Amino acid sequence: MNNPRQNPNAQFVSGIRELIRGREHKILEELQPLVESRSVRLDLSSIERIDAAGLAALVSLYCAASKAGHEFTVVNPPRHVARILAIVGLDRILVSNDSGETLPPGPWPESRMDRIAA
């Protein structure tokens, strides 16, 4: 697959604020045809909320792009999104290695969810 930074056909997509249940279908409808036709870099810098449905949508987009022979990567995840991606192991698959956007090594401050899960 081509590196989307060097691929002149790579599409940079931004402006998504929520990747949550109920909104994931619209995002998939808009982005799936795009990832099937070219490499895509999805800018997550404006994401305020993400849930399991949003993560599933990202995985679906990645799979569709891979099947079509293209890359799908995410860049600029805010810290809370980068942390979620790292917890579920999607940071190694979705976050562009050359974007410089990686989650700093832990330990991270304890979150409310960490206390609930304990």
N, C-alpha and C. Protein backbone atom coordinates (compact mmCIF):
# COMPACT_ATOMS: atom_id res chain seq x y z
N MET A 1 0.83 -1.18 0.00
CA MET A 1 0.00 0.00 0.00
C MET A 1 0.87 1.24 0.00
N ASN A 2 0.33 2.29 -0.50
CA ASN A 2 1.08 3.53 -0.58
C ASN A 2 1.01 4.30 0.72
N ASN A 3 2.03 5.09 0.98
CA ASN A 3 2.04 5.98 2.12
C ASN A 3 1.12 7.15 1.80
N PRO A 4 0.06 7.40 2.60
CA PRO A 4 -0.86 8.45 2.25
C PRO A 4 -0.24 9.84 2.27
N ARG A 5 0.86 10.04 3.00
CA ARG A 5 1.52 11.35 2.97
C ARG A 5 2.15 11.62 1.61
N GLN A 6 2.61 10.58 0.96
CA GLN A 6 3.29 10.74 -0.32
C GLN A 6 2.38 10.45 -1.49
N ASN A 7 1.21 9.93 -1.26
CA ASN A 7 0.28 9.56 -2.30
C ASN A 7 -0.54 10.78 -2.70
N PRO A 8 -0.39 11.25 -3.93
CA PRO A 8 -1.13 12.45 -4.33
C PRO A 8 -2.64 12.21 -4.40
N ASN A 9 -3.06 10.95 -4.42
CA ASN A 9 -4.49 10.65 -4.44
C ASN A 9 -5.09 10.51 -3.05
N ALA A 10 -4.26 10.59 -2.00
CA ALA A 10 -4.77 10.46 -0.64
C ALA A 10 -5.67 11.64 -0.31
N GLN A 11 -6.76 11.33 0.31
CA GLN A 11 -7.73 12.35 0.69
C GLN A 11 -7.61 12.61 2.18
N PHE A 12 -7.52 13.86 2.57
CA PHE A 12 -7.47 14.26 3.97
C PHE A 12 -8.88 14.67 4.37
N VAL A 13 -9.44 14.02 5.39
CA VAL A 13 -10.81 14.29 5.82
C VAL A 13 -10.77 14.78 7.26
N SER A 14 -11.53 15.84 7.54
CA SER A 14 -11.55 16.37 8.91
C SER A 14 -12.95 16.90 9.22
N GLY A 15 -13.11 17.38 10.43
CA GLY A 15 -14.34 18.04 10.82
C GLY A 15 -15.36 17.16 11.53
N ILE A 16 -15.04 15.92 11.79
CA ILE A 16 -15.98 15.04 12.49
C ILE A 16 -15.86 15.31 13.98
N ARG A 17 -16.99 15.58 14.63
CA ARG A 17 -16.97 15.91 16.05
C ARG A 17 -17.35 14.75 16.94
N GLU A 18 -18.21 13.84 16.42
CA GLU A 18 -18.65 12.72 17.23
C GLU A 18 -18.63 11.44 16.42
N LEU A 19 -18.03 10.42 16.97
CA LEU A 19 -18.05 9.07 16.41
C LEU A 19 -18.78 8.20 17.42
N ILE A 20 -20.09 8.29 17.38
CA ILE A 20 -20.91 7.62 18.40
C ILE A 20 -22.08 6.90 17.75
N ARG A 21 -22.69 5.99 18.52
CA ARG A 21 -23.87 5.25 18.04
C ARG A 21 -24.92 6.26 17.58
N GLY A 22 -25.48 5.96 16.43
CA GLY A 22 -26.49 6.82 15.85
C GLY A 22 -25.93 7.75 14.79
N ARG A 23 -24.64 8.02 14.85
CA ARG A 23 -23.98 8.88 13.86
C ARG A 23 -23.03 8.08 12.98
N GLU A 24 -22.72 6.83 13.42
CA GLU A 24 -21.72 6.05 12.70
C GLU A 24 -22.18 5.67 11.30
N HIS A 25 -23.48 5.46 11.11
CA HIS A 25 -23.98 5.07 9.79
C HIS A 25 -23.78 6.19 8.76
N LYS A 26 -24.01 7.42 9.18
CA LYS A 26 -23.81 8.56 8.27
C LYS A 26 -22.33 8.69 7.90
N ILE A 27 -21.47 8.51 8.87
CA ILE A 27 -20.03 8.59 8.60
C ILE A 27 -19.60 7.48 7.65
N LEU A 28 -20.11 6.27 7.89
CA LEU A 28 -19.79 5.16 7.00
C LEU A 28 -20.31 5.41 5.58
N GLU A 29 -21.52 5.93 5.47
CA GLU A 29 -22.09 6.23 4.15
C GLU A 29 -21.25 7.24 3.39
N GLU A 30 -20.72 8.23 4.10
CA GLU A 30 -19.93 9.27 3.46
C GLU A 30 -18.51 8.81 3.14
N LEU A 31 -17.90 8.06 4.05
CA LEU A 31 -16.48 7.75 3.89
C LEU A 31 -16.18 6.41 3.21
N GLN A 32 -17.09 5.45 3.29
CA GLN A 32 -16.80 4.16 2.69
C GLN A 32 -16.50 4.25 1.19
N PRO A 33 -17.30 4.96 0.39
CA PRO A 33 -16.96 5.07 -1.04
C PRO A 33 -15.59 5.74 -1.25
N LEU A 34 -15.26 6.66 -0.37
CA LEU A 34 -13.97 7.35 -0.49
C LEU A 34 -12.81 6.41 -0.21
N VAL A 35 -12.89 5.61 0.87
CA VAL A 35 -11.79 4.70 1.21
C VAL A 35 -11.67 3.57 0.20
N GLU A 36 -12.76 3.28 -0.51
CA GLU A 36 -12.69 2.24 -1.54
C GLU A 36 -12.06 2.76 -2.83
N SER A 37 -11.98 4.08 -2.97
CA SER A 37 -11.43 4.65 -4.20
C SER A 37 -10.03 5.25 -4.04
N ARG A 38 -9.60 5.50 -2.80
CA ARG A 38 -8.28 6.10 -2.58
C ARG A 38 -7.86 5.97 -1.12
N SER A 39 -6.62 6.25 -0.84
CA SER A 39 -6.13 6.27 0.54
C SER A 39 -6.70 7.49 1.24
N VAL A 40 -7.01 7.32 2.51
CA VAL A 40 -7.64 8.38 3.28
C VAL A 40 -6.92 8.55 4.61
N ARG A 41 -6.73 9.80 4.98
CA ARG A 41 -6.22 10.17 6.31
C ARG A 41 -7.33 10.92 7.01
N LEU A 42 -7.83 10.37 8.09
CA LEU A 42 -8.93 10.97 8.84
C LEU A 42 -8.38 11.74 10.03
N ASP A 43 -8.58 13.04 10.02
CA ASP A 43 -8.12 13.90 11.10
C ASP A 43 -9.13 13.83 12.25
N LEU A 44 -8.67 13.35 13.39
CA LEU A 44 -9.55 13.19 14.55
C LEU A 44 -9.43 14.35 15.54
N SER A 45 -8.73 15.39 15.19
CA SER A 45 -8.47 16.47 16.15
C SER A 45 -9.73 17.13 16.69
N SER A 46 -10.84 17.08 15.96
CA SER A 46 -12.06 17.73 16.43
C SER A 46 -13.02 16.76 17.12
N ILE A 47 -12.61 15.50 17.30
CA ILE A 47 -13.48 14.52 17.96
C ILE A 47 -13.64 14.87 19.43
N GLU A 48 -14.89 15.04 19.82
CA GLU A 48 -15.21 15.30 21.21
C GLU A 48 -15.67 14.04 21.93
N ARG A 49 -16.38 13.17 21.19
CA ARG A 49 -16.90 11.94 21.79
C ARG A 49 -16.70 10.78 20.82
N ILE A 50 -16.36 9.62 21.40
CA ILE A 50 -16.22 8.40 20.62
C ILE A 50 -16.69 7.25 21.51
N ASP A 51 -17.36 6.28 20.89
CA ASP A 51 -17.79 5.10 21.65
C ASP A 51 -17.50 3.85 20.83
N ALA A 52 -18.02 2.72 21.31
CA ALA A 52 -17.74 1.44 20.63
C ALA A 52 -18.24 1.44 19.19
N ALA A 53 -19.37 2.08 18.94
CA ALA A 53 -19.89 2.15 17.57
C ALA A 53 -18.94 2.96 16.68
N GLY A 54 -18.37 4.01 17.22
CA GLY A 54 -17.41 4.81 16.48
C GLY A 54 -16.13 4.03 16.18
N LEU A 55 -15.68 3.27 17.17
CA LEU A 55 -14.49 2.43 16.95
C LEU A 55 -14.78 1.38 15.88
N ALA A 56 -15.97 0.79 15.94
CA ALA A 56 -16.35 -0.21 14.94
C ALA A 56 -16.40 0.42 13.55
N ALA A 57 -16.86 1.66 13.45
CA ALA A 57 -16.89 2.36 12.16
C ALA A 57 -15.48 2.57 11.63
N LEU A 58 -14.54 2.92 12.50
CA LEU A 58 -13.15 3.09 12.06
C LEU A 58 -12.58 1.78 11.55
N VAL A 59 -12.88 0.69 12.24
CA VAL A 59 -12.40 -0.63 11.82
C VAL A 59 -13.02 -0.99 10.47
N SER A 60 -14.31 -0.72 10.30
CA SER A 60 -14.97 -1.01 9.02
C SER A 60 -14.34 -0.23 7.87
N LEU A 61 -14.02 1.03 8.12
CA LEU A 61 -13.38 1.85 7.09
C LEU A 61 -11.98 1.31 6.76
N TYR A 62 -11.25 0.91 7.80
CA TYR A 62 -9.93 0.33 7.58
C TYR A 62 -10.02 -0.94 6.73
N CYS A 63 -10.98 -1.80 7.06
CA CYS A 63 -11.15 -3.05 6.31
C CYS A 63 -11.55 -2.79 4.86
N ALA A 64 -12.45 -1.85 4.64
CA ALA A 64 -12.88 -1.52 3.28
C ALA A 64 -11.71 -0.97 2.47
N ALA A 65 -10.91 -0.11 3.08
CA ALA A 65 -9.75 0.45 2.38
C ALA A 65 -8.74 -0.65 2.06
N SER A 66 -8.45 -1.50 3.02
CA SER A 66 -7.49 -2.59 2.82
C SER A 66 -7.94 -3.52 1.70
N LYS A 67 -9.22 -3.85 1.70
CA LYS A 67 -9.77 -4.74 0.67
C LYS A 67 -9.62 -4.12 -0.72
N ALA A 68 -9.73 -2.79 -0.79
CA ALA A 68 -9.60 -2.09 -2.07
C ALA A 68 -8.14 -1.79 -2.42
N GLY A 69 -7.21 -2.14 -1.53
CA GLY A 69 -5.79 -1.88 -1.80
C GLY A 69 -5.33 -0.49 -1.43
N HIS A 70 -6.05 0.16 -0.53
CA HIS A 70 -5.71 1.51 -0.10
C HIS A 70 -5.42 1.52 1.39
N GLU A 71 -4.92 2.64 1.87
CA GLU A 71 -4.67 2.81 3.29
C GLU A 71 -5.75 3.68 3.91
N PHE A 72 -6.04 3.39 5.15
CA PHE A 72 -6.91 4.24 5.96
C PHE A 72 -6.19 4.45 7.27
N THR A 73 -5.86 5.68 7.56
CA THR A 73 -5.18 6.00 8.82
C THR A 73 -5.88 7.16 9.49
N VAL A 74 -5.70 7.25 10.79
CA VAL A 74 -6.20 8.40 11.53
C VAL A 74 -5.00 9.20 12.02
N VAL A 75 -5.18 10.50 12.08
CA VAL A 75 -4.11 11.39 12.53
C VAL A 75 -4.69 12.38 13.54
N ASN A 76 -3.83 12.94 14.34
CA ASN A 76 -4.16 13.98 15.31
C ASN A 76 -5.25 13.61 16.30
N PRO A 77 -5.22 12.38 16.83
CA PRO A 77 -6.26 12.07 17.82
C PRO A 77 -6.03 12.87 19.10
N PRO A 78 -7.09 13.46 19.66
CA PRO A 78 -6.92 14.10 20.97
C PRO A 78 -6.51 13.06 22.00
N ARG A 79 -5.98 13.51 23.09
CA ARG A 79 -5.44 12.59 24.09
C ARG A 79 -6.46 11.54 24.53
N HIS A 80 -7.70 11.94 24.77
CA HIS A 80 -8.69 10.97 25.23
C HIS A 80 -9.00 9.93 24.16
N VAL A 81 -8.96 10.31 22.90
CA VAL A 81 -9.20 9.37 21.81
C VAL A 81 -7.97 8.47 21.63
N ALA A 82 -6.79 9.06 21.69
CA ALA A 82 -5.56 8.27 21.57
C ALA A 82 -5.49 7.22 22.67
N ARG A 83 -5.93 7.59 23.84
CA ARG A 83 -5.91 6.65 24.97
C ARG A 83 -6.85 5.48 24.71
N ILE A 84 -8.05 5.77 24.22
CA ILE A 84 -9.01 4.70 23.92
C ILE A 84 -8.47 3.79 22.83
N LEU A 85 -7.91 4.39 21.77
CA LEU A 85 -7.34 3.59 20.69
C LEU A 85 -6.22 2.68 21.21
N ALA A 86 -5.41 3.20 22.13
CA ALA A 86 -4.32 2.40 22.70
C ALA A 86 -4.86 1.28 23.58
N ILE A 87 -5.87 1.56 24.37
CA ILE A 87 -6.43 0.55 25.27
C ILE A 87 -6.97 -0.63 24.48
N VAL A 88 -7.64 -0.37 23.37
CA VAL A 88 -8.23 -1.46 22.58
C VAL A 88 -7.28 -2.00 21.51
N GLY A 89 -6.08 -1.43 21.41
CA GLY A 89 -5.07 -1.93 20.49
C GLY A 89 -5.20 -1.41 19.06
N LEU A 90 -6.08 -0.46 18.84
CA LEU A 90 -6.25 0.05 17.48
C LEU A 90 -5.22 1.11 17.11
N ASP A 91 -4.48 1.61 18.09
CA ASP A 91 -3.46 2.60 17.78
C ASP A 91 -2.40 2.03 16.85
N ARG A 92 -2.08 0.75 17.01
CA ARG A 92 -1.06 0.11 16.16
C ARG A 92 -1.54 -0.09 14.74
N ILE A 93 -2.84 -0.14 14.56
CA ILE A 93 -3.42 -0.41 13.24
C ILE A 93 -3.85 0.87 12.53
N LEU A 94 -4.47 1.78 13.27
CA LEU A 94 -5.10 2.94 12.64
C LEU A 94 -4.28 4.22 12.66
N VAL A 95 -3.51 4.43 13.72
CA VAL A 95 -2.80 5.71 13.83
C VAL A 95 -1.58 5.68 12.93
N SER A 96 -1.48 6.69 12.09
CA SER A 96 -0.37 6.78 11.14
C SER A 96 0.94 6.87 11.89
N ASN A 97 1.86 5.95 11.59
CA ASN A 97 3.16 5.93 12.26
C ASN A 97 3.99 7.16 11.92
N ASP A 98 3.79 7.72 10.74
CA ASP A 98 4.60 8.88 10.35
C ASP A 98 3.93 10.20 10.69
N SER A 99 2.79 10.16 11.36
CA SER A 99 2.10 11.40 11.69
C SER A 99 2.67 12.05 12.93
N GLY A 100 3.45 11.28 13.70
CA GLY A 100 3.97 11.81 14.94
C GLY A 100 2.93 11.82 16.05
N GLU A 101 1.76 11.31 15.78
CA GLU A 101 0.69 11.29 16.76
C GLU A 101 0.64 9.94 17.44
N THR A 102 1.30 9.81 18.53
CA THR A 102 1.25 8.58 19.29
C THR A 102 0.94 8.92 20.74
N LEU A 103 0.40 7.98 21.43
CA LEU A 103 0.10 8.17 22.84
C LEU A 103 1.38 8.05 23.64
N PRO A 104 1.69 9.04 24.43
CA PRO A 104 2.90 8.94 25.25
C PRO A 104 2.79 7.74 26.18
N PRO A 105 3.93 7.14 26.53
CA PRO A 105 3.89 5.99 27.41
C PRO A 105 3.27 6.36 28.76
N GLY A 106 2.59 5.39 29.36
CA GLY A 106 1.95 5.60 30.66
C GLY A 106 2.99 5.82 31.73
N PRO A 107 2.62 5.95 32.96
CA PRO A 107 1.25 5.82 33.43
C PRO A 107 0.44 7.08 33.14
N TRP A 108 -0.86 6.87 32.88
CA TRP A 108 -1.75 7.99 32.64
C TRP A 108 -2.50 8.30 33.91
N PRO A 109 -2.98 9.52 34.02
CA PRO A 109 -3.80 9.83 35.20
C PRO A 109 -5.02 8.91 35.24
N GLU A 110 -5.40 8.52 36.43
CA GLU A 110 -6.56 7.63 36.57
C GLU A 110 -7.82 8.36 36.14
N SER A 111 -8.62 7.70 35.34
CA SER A 111 -9.87 8.30 34.90
C SER A 111 -11.01 7.75 35.72
N ARG A 112 -12.17 8.33 35.57
CA ARG A 112 -13.37 7.84 36.26
C ARG A 112 -13.66 6.41 35.84
N MET A 113 -13.47 6.08 34.55
CA MET A 113 -13.72 4.73 34.08
C MET A 113 -12.75 3.73 34.71
N ASP A 114 -11.52 4.14 34.97
CA ASP A 114 -10.57 3.26 35.64
C ASP A 114 -11.07 2.92 37.04
N ARG A 115 -11.64 3.89 37.73
CA ARG A 115 -12.15 3.65 39.09
C ARG A 115 -13.37 2.75 39.04
N ILE A 116 -14.23 2.95 38.05
CA ILE A 116 -15.43 2.13 37.92
C ILE A 116 -15.06 0.68 37.61
N ALA A 117 -14.07 0.50 36.72
CA ALA A 117 -13.68 -0.84 36.29
C ALA A 117 -12.97 -1.61 37.40
N ALA A 118 -12.37 -0.90 38.33
CA ALA A 118 -11.59 -1.56 39.39
C ALA A 118 -12.42 -2.22 40.44
